């Protein structure tokens, strides 16, 4: 849920703010951010299981829920601020 609420607007903001001739670089930034997030998430799950074998799954799900909530809040806060790099709206 957090990935869906955060990644979609984030991808749109990155791709629309980049000039067309730099879209390949913007796509690379998006892929790097996605893989970095997946790697950090996998490392945190492994850490949870390493710290507590009996409750590691509960800790991992708790961390996942917290990060999903933070991502949702960050995504919705983006709606309150105006993006200076966004193209002007057509009337």
PDB file of N, CA and C in Angstrom:
ATOM      1  N   UNK A   1       0.841  -1.191   0.000  1.00  0.00           N
ATOM      2  CA  UNK A   1       0.000   0.000   0.000  1.00  0.00           C
ATOM      3  C   UNK A   1       0.888   1.257   0.000  1.00  0.00           C
ATOM      4  N   UNK A   2       1.885   1.260   0.862  1.00  0.00           N
ATOM      5  CA  UNK A   2       2.791   2.407   0.903  1.00  0.00           C
ATOM      6  C   UNK A   2       3.559   2.554  -0.395  1.00  0.00           C
ATOM      7  N   UNK A   3       3.974   1.425  -0.972  1.00  0.00           N
ATOM      8  CA  UNK A   3       4.705   1.456  -2.241  1.00  0.00           C
ATOM      9  C   UNK A   3       3.816   2.038  -3.334  1.00  0.00           C
ATOM     10  N   UNK A   4       2.568   1.623  -3.378  1.00  0.00           N
ATOM     11  CA  UNK A   4       1.654   2.118  -4.410  1.00  0.00           C
ATOM     12  C   UNK A   4       1.335   3.595  -4.259  1.00  0.00           C
ATOM     13  N   UNK A   5       1.125   4.042  -3.020  1.00  0.00           N
ATOM     14  CA  UNK A   5       0.791   5.444  -2.798  1.00  0.00           C
ATOM     15  C   UNK A   5       1.990   6.365  -2.985  1.00  0.00           C
ATOM     16  N   UNK A   6       3.195   5.852  -2.757  1.00  0.00           N
ATOM     17  CA  UNK A   6       4.368   6.700  -2.862  1.00  0.00           C
ATOM     18  C   UNK A   6       5.043   6.599  -4.225  1.00  0.00           C
ATOM     19  N   UNK A   7       5.203   5.383  -4.725  1.00  0.00           N
ATOM     20  CA  UNK A   7       5.996   5.185  -5.927  1.00  0.00           C
ATOM     21  C   UNK A   7       5.340   5.794  -7.169  1.00  0.00           C
ATOM     22  N   UNK A   8       4.038   5.650  -7.310  1.00  0.00           N
ATOM     23  CA  UNK A   8       3.370   6.186  -8.508  1.00  0.00           C
ATOM     24  C   UNK A   8       3.501   7.701  -8.629  1.00  0.00           C
ATOM     25  N   UNK A   9       3.153   8.479  -7.590  1.00  0.00           N
ATOM     26  CA  UNK A   9       3.335   9.930  -7.710  1.00  0.00           C
ATOM     27  C   UNK A   9       4.804  10.329  -7.804  1.00  0.00           C
ATOM     28  N   UNK A  10       5.673   9.578  -7.130  1.00  0.00           N
ATOM     29  CA  UNK A  10       7.087   9.883  -7.181  1.00  0.00           C
ATOM     30  C   UNK A  10       7.623   9.692  -8.603  1.00  0.00           C
ATOM     31  N   UNK A  11       7.231   8.611  -9.235  1.00  0.00           N
ATOM     32  CA  UNK A  11       7.646   8.343 -10.609  1.00  0.00           C
ATOM     33  C   UNK A  11       7.132   9.426 -11.549  1.00  0.00           C
ATOM     34  N   UNK A  12       5.878   9.802 -11.386  1.00  0.00           N
ATOM     35  CA  UNK A  12       5.308  10.842 -12.244  1.00  0.00           C
ATOM     36  C   UNK A  12       6.031  12.179 -12.047  1.00  0.00           C
ATOM     37  N   UNK A  13       6.306  12.534 -10.796  1.00  0.00           N
ATOM     38  CA  UNK A  13       6.993  13.796 -10.521  1.00  0.00           C
ATOM     39  C   UNK A  13       8.399  13.804 -11.109  1.00  0.00           C
ATOM     40  N   UNK A  14       9.108  12.703 -10.976  1.00  0.00           N
ATOM     41  CA  UNK A  14      10.468  12.642 -11.524  1.00  0.00           C
ATOM     42  C   UNK A  14      10.463  12.695 -13.046  1.00  0.00           C
ATOM     43  N   UNK A  15       9.578  11.934 -13.663  1.00  0.00           N
ATOM     44  CA  UNK A  15       9.590  11.849 -15.119  1.00  0.00           C
ATOM     45  C   UNK A  15       9.063  13.126 -15.778  1.00  0.00           C
ATOM     46  N   UNK A  16       8.102  13.801 -15.163  1.00  0.00           N
ATOM     47  CA  UNK A  16       7.578  15.030 -15.769  1.00  0.00           C
ATOM     48  C   UNK A  16       8.482  16.234 -15.518  1.00  0.00           C
ATOM     49  N   UNK A  17       9.301  16.173 -14.464  1.00  0.00           N
ATOM     50  CA  UNK A  17      10.180  17.310 -14.198  1.00  0.00           C
ATOM     51  C   UNK A  17      11.467  17.245 -15.026  1.00  0.00           C
ATOM     52  N   UNK A  18      11.762  16.087 -15.588  1.00  0.00           N
ATOM     53  CA  UNK A  18      12.976  15.955 -16.408  1.00  0.00           C
ATOM     54  C   UNK A  18      12.681  16.379 -17.844  1.00  0.00           C
ATOM     55  N   UNK A  19      13.612  17.074 -18.483  1.00  0.00           N
ATOM     56  CA  UNK A  19      13.425  17.401 -19.896  1.00  0.00           C
ATOM     57  C   UNK A  19      13.394  16.117 -20.732  1.00  0.00           C
ATOM     58  N   UNK A  20      12.719  16.134 -21.872  1.00  0.00           N
ATOM     59  CA  UNK A  20      12.588  14.916 -22.678  1.00  0.00           C
ATOM     60  C   UNK A  20      13.928  14.267 -23.046  1.00  0.00           C
ATOM     61  N   UNK A  21      14.953  15.074 -23.297  1.00  0.00           N
ATOM     62  CA  UNK A  21      16.232  14.487 -23.679  1.00  0.00           C
ATOM     63  C   UNK A  21      16.962  13.851 -22.492  1.00  0.00           C
ATOM     64  N   UNK A  22      16.471  14.057 -21.278  1.00  0.00           N
ATOM     65  CA  UNK A  22      17.071  13.465 -20.077  1.00  0.00           C
ATOM     66  C   UNK A  22      16.179  12.384 -19.464  1.00  0.00           C
ATOM     67  N   UNK A  23      15.189  11.906 -20.213  1.00  0.00           N
ATOM     68  CA  UNK A  23      14.257  10.926 -19.657  1.00  0.00           C
ATOM     69  C   UNK A  23      14.947   9.603 -19.325  1.00  0.00           C
ATOM     70  N   UNK A  24      15.986   9.239 -20.060  1.00  0.00           N
ATOM     71  CA  UNK A  24      16.727   8.021 -19.750  1.00  0.00           C
ATOM     72  C   UNK A  24      17.411   8.105 -18.393  1.00  0.00           C
ATOM     73  N   UNK A  25      18.012   9.254 -18.104  1.00  0.00           N
ATOM     74  CA  UNK A  25      18.650   9.457 -16.797  1.00  0.00           C
ATOM     75  C   UNK A  25      17.634   9.459 -15.665  1.00  0.00           C
ATOM     76  N   UNK A  26      16.478  10.071 -15.903  1.00  0.00           N
ATOM     77  CA  UNK A  26      15.422  10.093 -14.887  1.00  0.00           C
ATOM     78  C   UNK A  26      14.912   8.680 -14.621  1.00  0.00           C
ATOM     79  N   UNK A  27      14.779   7.885 -15.665  1.00  0.00           N
ATOM     80  CA  UNK A  27      14.352   6.499 -15.502  1.00  0.00           C
ATOM     81  C   UNK A  27      15.389   5.702 -14.708  1.00  0.00           C
ATOM     82  N   UNK A  28      16.666   5.985 -14.922  1.00  0.00           N
ATOM     83  CA  UNK A  28      17.714   5.332 -14.154  1.00  0.00           C
ATOM     84  C   UNK A  28      17.667   5.693 -12.683  1.00  0.00           C
ATOM     85  N   UNK A  29      17.358   6.952 -12.387  1.00  0.00           N
ATOM     86  CA  UNK A  29      17.217   7.389 -10.988  1.00  0.00           C
ATOM     87  C   UNK A  29      16.059   6.650 -10.332  1.00  0.00           C
ATOM     88  N   UNK A  30      14.942   6.516 -11.042  1.00  0.00           N
ATOM     89  CA  UNK A  30      13.777   5.816 -10.504  1.00  0.00           C
ATOM     90  C   UNK A  30      14.127   4.353 -10.208  1.00  0.00           C
ATOM     91  N   UNK A  31      14.799   3.695 -11.152  1.00  0.00           N
ATOM     92  CA  UNK A  31      15.170   2.290 -10.954  1.00  0.00           C
ATOM     93  C   UNK A  31      16.149   2.130  -9.798  1.00  0.00           C
ATOM     94  N   UNK A  32      17.097   3.053  -9.687  1.00  0.00           N
ATOM     95  CA  UNK A  32      18.068   2.994  -8.589  1.00  0.00           C
ATOM     96  C   UNK A  32      17.370   3.173  -7.241  1.00  0.00           C
ATOM     97  N   UNK A  33      16.449   4.121  -7.158  1.00  0.00           N
ATOM     98  CA  UNK A  33      15.720   4.352  -5.907  1.00  0.00           C
ATOM     99  C   UNK A  33      14.881   3.128  -5.544  1.00  0.00           C
ATOM    100  N   UNK A  34      14.234   2.514  -6.521  1.00  0.00           N
ATOM    101  CA  UNK A  34      13.413   1.334  -6.263  1.00  0.00           C
ATOM    102  C   UNK A  34      14.276   0.171  -5.748  1.00  0.00           C
ATOM    103  N   UNK A  35      15.395  -0.093  -6.408  1.00  0.00           N
ATOM    104  CA  UNK A  35      16.256  -1.200  -5.987  1.00  0.00           C
ATOM    105  C   UNK A  35      16.914  -0.929  -4.637  1.00  0.00           C
ATOM    106  N   UNK A  36      17.257   0.317  -4.374  1.00  0.00           N
ATOM    107  CA  UNK A  36      17.825   0.670  -3.082  1.00  0.00           C
ATOM    108  C   UNK A  36      16.800   0.433  -1.972  1.00  0.00           C
ATOM    109  N   UNK A  37      15.561   0.822  -2.215  1.00  0.00           N
ATOM    110  CA  UNK A  37      14.500   0.586  -1.237  1.00  0.00           C
ATOM    111  C   UNK A  37      14.251  -0.889  -0.994  1.00  0.00           C
ATOM    112  N   UNK A  38      14.257  -1.689  -2.053  1.00  0.00           N
ATOM    113  CA  UNK A  38      14.065  -3.131  -1.896  1.00  0.00           C
ATOM    114  C   UNK A  38      15.227  -3.755  -1.129  1.00  0.00           C
ATOM    115  N   UNK A  39      16.429  -3.312  -1.405  1.00  0.00           N
ATOM    116  CA  UNK A  39      17.604  -3.867  -0.719  1.00  0.00           C
ATOM    117  C   UNK A  39      17.604  -3.504   0.761  1.00  0.00           C
ATOM    118  N   UNK A  40      17.280  -2.262   1.067  1.00  0.00           N
ATOM    119  CA  UNK A  40      17.222  -1.849   2.474  1.00  0.00           C
ATOM    120  C   UNK A  40      16.107  -2.598   3.194  1.00  0.00           C
ATOM    121  N   UNK A  41      14.971  -2.777   2.524  1.00  0.00           N
ATOM    122  CA  UNK A  41      13.868  -3.532   3.124  1.00  0.00           C
ATOM    123  C   UNK A  41      14.249  -4.970   3.418  1.00  0.00           C
ATOM    124  N   UNK A  42      14.915  -5.631   2.477  1.00  0.00           N
ATOM    125  CA  UNK A  42      15.350  -7.012   2.701  1.00  0.00           C
ATOM    126  C   UNK A  42      16.362  -7.089   3.835  1.00  0.00           C
ATOM    127  N   UNK A  43      17.252  -6.109   3.917  1.00  0.00           N
ATOM    128  CA  UNK A  43      18.240  -6.092   5.001  1.00  0.00           C
ATOM    129  C   UNK A  43      17.567  -5.893   6.358  1.00  0.00           C
ATOM    130  N   UNK A  44      16.542  -5.035   6.415  1.00  0.00           N
ATOM    131  CA  UNK A  44      15.830  -4.823   7.679  1.00  0.00           C
ATOM    132  C   UNK A  44      15.061  -6.067   8.115  1.00  0.00           C
ATOM    133  N   UNK A  45      14.483  -6.787   7.161  1.00  0.00           N
ATOM    134  CA  UNK A  45      13.782  -8.035   7.499  1.00  0.00           C
ATOM    135  C   UNK A  45      14.784  -9.053   8.032  1.00  0.00           C
ATOM    136  N   UNK A  46      15.937  -9.170   7.383  1.00  0.00           N
ATOM    137  CA  UNK A  46      16.963 -10.096   7.872  1.00  0.00           C
ATOM    138  C   UNK A  46      17.439  -9.700   9.265  1.00  0.00           C
ATOM    139  N   UNK A  47      17.565  -8.392   9.514  1.00  0.00           N
ATOM    140  CA  UNK A  47      17.957  -7.922  10.838  1.00  0.00           C
ATOM    141  C   UNK A  47      16.911  -8.289  11.888  1.00  0.00           C
ATOM    142  N   UNK A  48      15.633  -8.129  11.530  1.00  0.00           N
ATOM    143  CA  UNK A  48      14.556  -8.474  12.466  1.00  0.00           C
ATOM    144  C   UNK A  48      14.615  -9.957  12.837  1.00  0.00           C
ATOM    145  N   UNK A  49      14.816 -10.831  11.848  1.00  0.00           N
ATOM    146  CA  UNK A  49      14.900 -12.257  12.123  1.00  0.00           C
ATOM    147  C   UNK A  49      16.169 -12.605  12.898  1.00  0.00           C
ATOM    148  N   UNK A  50      17.229 -11.855  12.682  1.00  0.00           N
ATOM    149  CA  UNK A  50      18.476 -12.116  13.398  1.00  0.00           C
ATOM    150  C   UNK A  50      18.365 -11.683  14.858  1.00  0.00           C
ATOM    151  N   UNK A  51      17.684 -10.586  15.128  1.00  0.00           N
ATOM    152  CA  UNK A  51      17.563 -10.088  16.496  1.00  0.00           C
ATOM    153  C   UNK A  51      16.626 -10.939  17.341  1.00  0.00           C
ATOM    154  N   UNK A  52      15.568 -11.441  16.732  1.00  0.00           N
ATOM    155  CA  UNK A  52      14.594 -12.233  17.483  1.00  0.00           C
ATOM    156  C   UNK A  52      14.053 -13.337  16.580  1.00  0.00           C
ATOM    157  N   UNK A  53      14.469 -14.551  16.843  1.00  0.00           N
ATOM    158  CA  UNK A  53      14.020 -15.656  16.009  1.00  0.00           C
ATOM    159  C   UNK A  53      12.537 -15.954  16.208  1.00  0.00           C
ATOM    160  N   UNK A  54      12.043 -15.787  17.438  1.00  0.00           N
ATOM    161  CA  UNK A  54      10.650 -16.138  17.703  1.00  0.00           C
ATOM    162  C   UNK A  54       9.671 -15.036  17.294  1.00  0.00           C
ATOM    163  N   UNK A  55      10.086 -13.769  17.360  1.00  0.00           N
ATOM    164  CA  UNK A  55       9.186 -12.659  17.029  1.00  0.00           C
ATOM    165  C   UNK A  55       9.687 -11.840  15.845  1.00  0.00           C
ATOM    166  N   UNK A  56      10.600 -12.369  15.072  1.00  0.00           N
ATOM    167  CA  UNK A  56      11.168 -11.632  13.946  1.00  0.00           C
ATOM    168  C   UNK A  56      10.134 -11.253  12.906  1.00  0.00           C
ATOM    169  N   UNK A  57       9.184 -12.154  12.656  1.00  0.00           N
ATOM    170  CA  UNK A  57       8.164 -11.842  11.646  1.00  0.00           C
ATOM    171  C   UNK A  57       7.259 -10.703  12.117  1.00  0.00           C
ATOM    172  N   UNK A  58       6.962 -10.659  13.397  1.00  0.00           N
ATOM    173  CA  UNK A  58       6.123  -9.568  13.926  1.00  0.00           C
ATOM    174  C   UNK A  58       6.864  -8.231  13.831  1.00  0.00           C
ATOM    175  N   UNK A  59       8.158  -8.246  14.164  1.00  0.00           N
ATOM    176  CA  UNK A  59       8.946  -7.024  14.057  1.00  0.00           C
ATOM    177  C   UNK A  59       9.023  -6.554  12.604  1.00  0.00           C
ATOM    178  N   UNK A  60       9.242  -7.492  11.689  1.00  0.00           N
ATOM    179  CA  UNK A  60       9.348  -7.135  10.265  1.00  0.00           C
ATOM    180  C   UNK A  60       8.035  -6.550   9.755  1.00  0.00           C
ATOM    181  N   UNK A  61       6.912  -7.166  10.122  1.00  0.00           N
ATOM    182  CA  UNK A  61       5.615  -6.629   9.692  1.00  0.00           C
ATOM    183  C   UNK A  61       5.343  -5.266  10.330  1.00  0.00           C
ATOM    184  N   UNK A  62       5.759  -5.098  11.577  1.00  0.00           N
ATOM    185  CA  UNK A  62       5.595  -3.798  12.240  1.00  0.00           C
ATOM    186  C   UNK A  62       6.400  -2.713  11.556  1.00  0.00           C
ATOM    187  N   UNK A  63       7.667  -3.028  11.238  1.00  0.00           N
ATOM    188  CA  UNK A  63       8.493  -2.059  10.517  1.00  0.00           C
ATOM    189  C   UNK A  63       7.889  -1.745   9.151  1.00  0.00           C
ATOM    190  N   UNK A  64       7.390  -2.765   8.474  1.00  0.00           N
ATOM    191  CA  UNK A  64       6.776  -2.562   7.159  1.00  0.00           C
ATOM    192  C   UNK A  64       5.564  -1.653   7.246  1.00  0.00           C
ATOM    193  N   UNK A  65       4.737  -1.868   8.270  1.00  0.00           N
ATOM    194  CA  UNK A  65       3.552  -1.031   8.447  1.00  0.00           C
ATOM    195  C   UNK A  65       3.933   0.418   8.748  1.00  0.00           C
ATOM    196  N   UNK A  66       4.943   0.604   9.576  1.00  0.00           N
ATOM    197  CA  UNK A  66       5.391   1.965   9.911  1.00  0.00           C
ATOM    198  C   UNK A  66       5.927   2.670   8.671  1.00  0.00           C
ATOM    199  N   UNK A  67       6.777   1.982   7.897  1.00  0.00           N
ATOM    200  CA  UNK A  67       7.336   2.600   6.696  1.00  0.00           C
ATOM    201  C   UNK A  67       6.259   2.869   5.650  1.00  0.00           C
ATOM    202  N   UNK A  68       5.265   1.978   5.545  1.00  0.00           N
ATOM    203  CA  UNK A  68       4.160   2.210   4.613  1.00  0.00           C
ATOM    204  C   UNK A  68       3.360   3.440   5.030  1.00  0.00           C
ATOM    205  N   UNK A  69       3.137   3.590   6.335  1.00  0.00           N
ATOM    206  CA  UNK A  69       2.422   4.774   6.823  1.00  0.00           C
ATOM    207  C   UNK A  69       3.191   6.058   6.568  1.00  0.00           C
ATOM    208  N   UNK A  70       4.492   6.030   6.792  1.00  0.00           N
ATOM    209  CA  UNK A  70       5.328   7.210   6.537  1.00  0.00           C
ATOM    210  C   UNK A  70       5.316   7.555   5.048  1.00  0.00           C
ATOM    211  N   UNK A  71       5.374   6.539   4.188  1.00  0.00           N
ATOM    212  CA  UNK A  71       5.341   6.779   2.743  1.00  0.00           C
ATOM    213  C   UNK A  71       4.012   7.380   2.320  1.00  0.00           C
ATOM    214  N   UNK A  72       2.910   6.894   2.898  1.00  0.00           N
ATOM    215  CA  UNK A  72       1.586   7.461   2.578  1.00  0.00           C
ATOM    216  C   UNK A  72       1.511   8.927   3.000  1.00  0.00           C
ATOM    217  N   UNK A  73       1.990   9.228   4.185  1.00  0.00           N
ATOM    218  CA  UNK A  73       1.959  10.610   4.670  1.00  0.00           C
ATOM    219  C   UNK A  73       2.827  11.503   3.790  1.00  0.00           C
ATOM    220  N   UNK A  74       4.019  11.028   3.431  1.00  0.00           N
ATOM    221  CA  UNK A  74       4.900  11.818   2.570  1.00  0.00           C
ATOM    222  C   UNK A  74       4.264  12.067   1.209  1.00  0.00           C
ATOM    223  N   UNK A  75       3.573  11.077   0.690  1.00  0.00           N
ATOM    224  CA  UNK A  75       2.935  11.236  -0.605  1.00  0.00           C
ATOM    225  C   UNK A  75       1.781  12.231  -0.537  1.00  0.00           C
ATOM    226  N   UNK A  76       0.979  12.159   0.510  1.00  0.00           N
ATOM    227  CA  UNK A  76      -0.138  13.084   0.628  1.00  0.00           C
ATOM    228  C   UNK A  76       0.319  14.501   0.956  1.00  0.00           C
ATOM    229  N   UNK A  77       1.435  14.661   1.667  1.00  0.00           N
ATOM    230  CA  UNK A  77       1.971  15.993   1.933  1.00  0.00           C
ATOM    231  C   UNK A  77       2.440  16.676   0.657  1.00  0.00           C
ATOM    232  N   UNK A  78       2.821  15.878  -0.313  1.00  0.00           N
ATOM    233  CA  UNK A  78       3.252  16.418  -1.593  1.00  0.00           C
ATOM    234  C   UNK A  78       2.115  17.179  -2.285  1.00  0.00           C
ATOM    235  N   UNK A  79       0.873  16.783  -2.010  1.00  0.00           N
ATOM    236  CA  UNK A  79      -0.270  17.462  -2.615  1.00  0.00           C
ATOM    237  C   UNK A  79      -0.465  18.872  -2.047  1.00  0.00           C
ATOM    238  N   UNK A  80       0.047  19.109  -0.847  1.00  0.00           N
ATOM    239  CA  UNK A  80      -0.139  20.415  -0.205  1.00  0.00           C
ATOM    240  C   UNK A  80       0.858  21.460  -0.687  1.00  0.00           C
ATOM    241  N   UNK A  81       1.963  21.024  -1.262  1.00  0.00           N
ATOM    242  CA  UNK A  81       2.969  21.970  -1.736  1.00  0.00           C
ATOM    243  C   UNK A  81       2.943  22.027  -3.255  1.00  0.00           C
ATOM    244  N   UNK A  82       3.292  23.170  -3.787  1.00  0.00           N
ATOM    245  CA  UNK A  82       3.324  23.343  -5.229  1.00  0.00           C
ATOM    246  C   UNK A  82       4.720  22.994  -5.742  1.00  0.00           C
ATOM    247  N   UNK A  83       4.756  22.176  -6.770  1.00  0.00           N
ATOM    248  CA  UNK A  83       6.026  21.770  -7.368  1.00  0.00           C
ATOM    249  C   UNK A  83       6.503  22.873  -8.315  1.00  0.00           C
ATOM    250  N   UNK A  84       7.644  23.521  -8.040  1.00  0.00           N
ATOM    251  CA  UNK A  84       8.113  24.595  -8.925  1.00  0.00           C
ATOM    252  C   UNK A  84       8.568  24.079 -10.282  1.00  0.00           C
ATOM    253  N   UNK A  85       8.819  22.776 -10.397  1.00  0.00           N
ATOM    254  CA  UNK A  85       9.299  22.214 -11.650  1.00  0.00           C
ATOM    255  C   UNK A  85       8.183  21.642 -12.524  1.00  0.00           C
ATOM    256  N   UNK A  86       6.966  21.621 -12.005  1.00  0.00           N
ATOM    257  CA  UNK A  86       5.847  21.061 -12.751  1.00  0.00           C
ATOM    258  C   UNK A  86       5.474  22.014 -13.898  1.00  0.00           C
ATOM    259  N   UNK A  87       5.066  21.451 -15.029  1.00  0.00           N
ATOM    260  CA  UNK A  87       4.644  22.322 -16.123  1.00  0.00           C
ATOM    261  C   UNK A  87       3.366  23.068 -15.743  1.00  0.00           C
ATOM    262  N   UNK A  88       3.167  24.270 -16.291  1.00  0.00           N
ATOM    263  CA  UNK A  88       1.966  25.028 -15.934  1.00  0.00           C
ATOM    264  C   UNK A  88       0.704  24.319 -16.454  1.00  0.00           C
ATOM    265  N   UNK A  89      -0.375  24.498 -15.705  1.00  0.00           N
ATOM    266  CA  UNK A  89      -1.646  23.907 -16.103  1.00  0.00           C
ATOM    267  C   UNK A  89      -2.243  24.653 -17.288  1.00  0.00           C
ATOM    268  N   UNK A  90      -2.803  23.894 -18.213  1.00  0.00           N
ATOM    269  CA  UNK A  90      -3.456  24.515 -19.363  1.00  0.00           C
ATOM    270  C   UNK A  90      -4.882  24.863 -19.010  1.00  0.00           C
ATOM    271  N   UNK A  91      -5.319  26.021 -19.446  1.00  0.00           N
ATOM    272  CA  UNK A  91      -6.687  26.458 -19.138  1.00  0.00           C
ATOM    273  C   UNK A  91      -7.556  26.353 -20.373  1.00  0.00           C
TER     274      UNK A  91
END
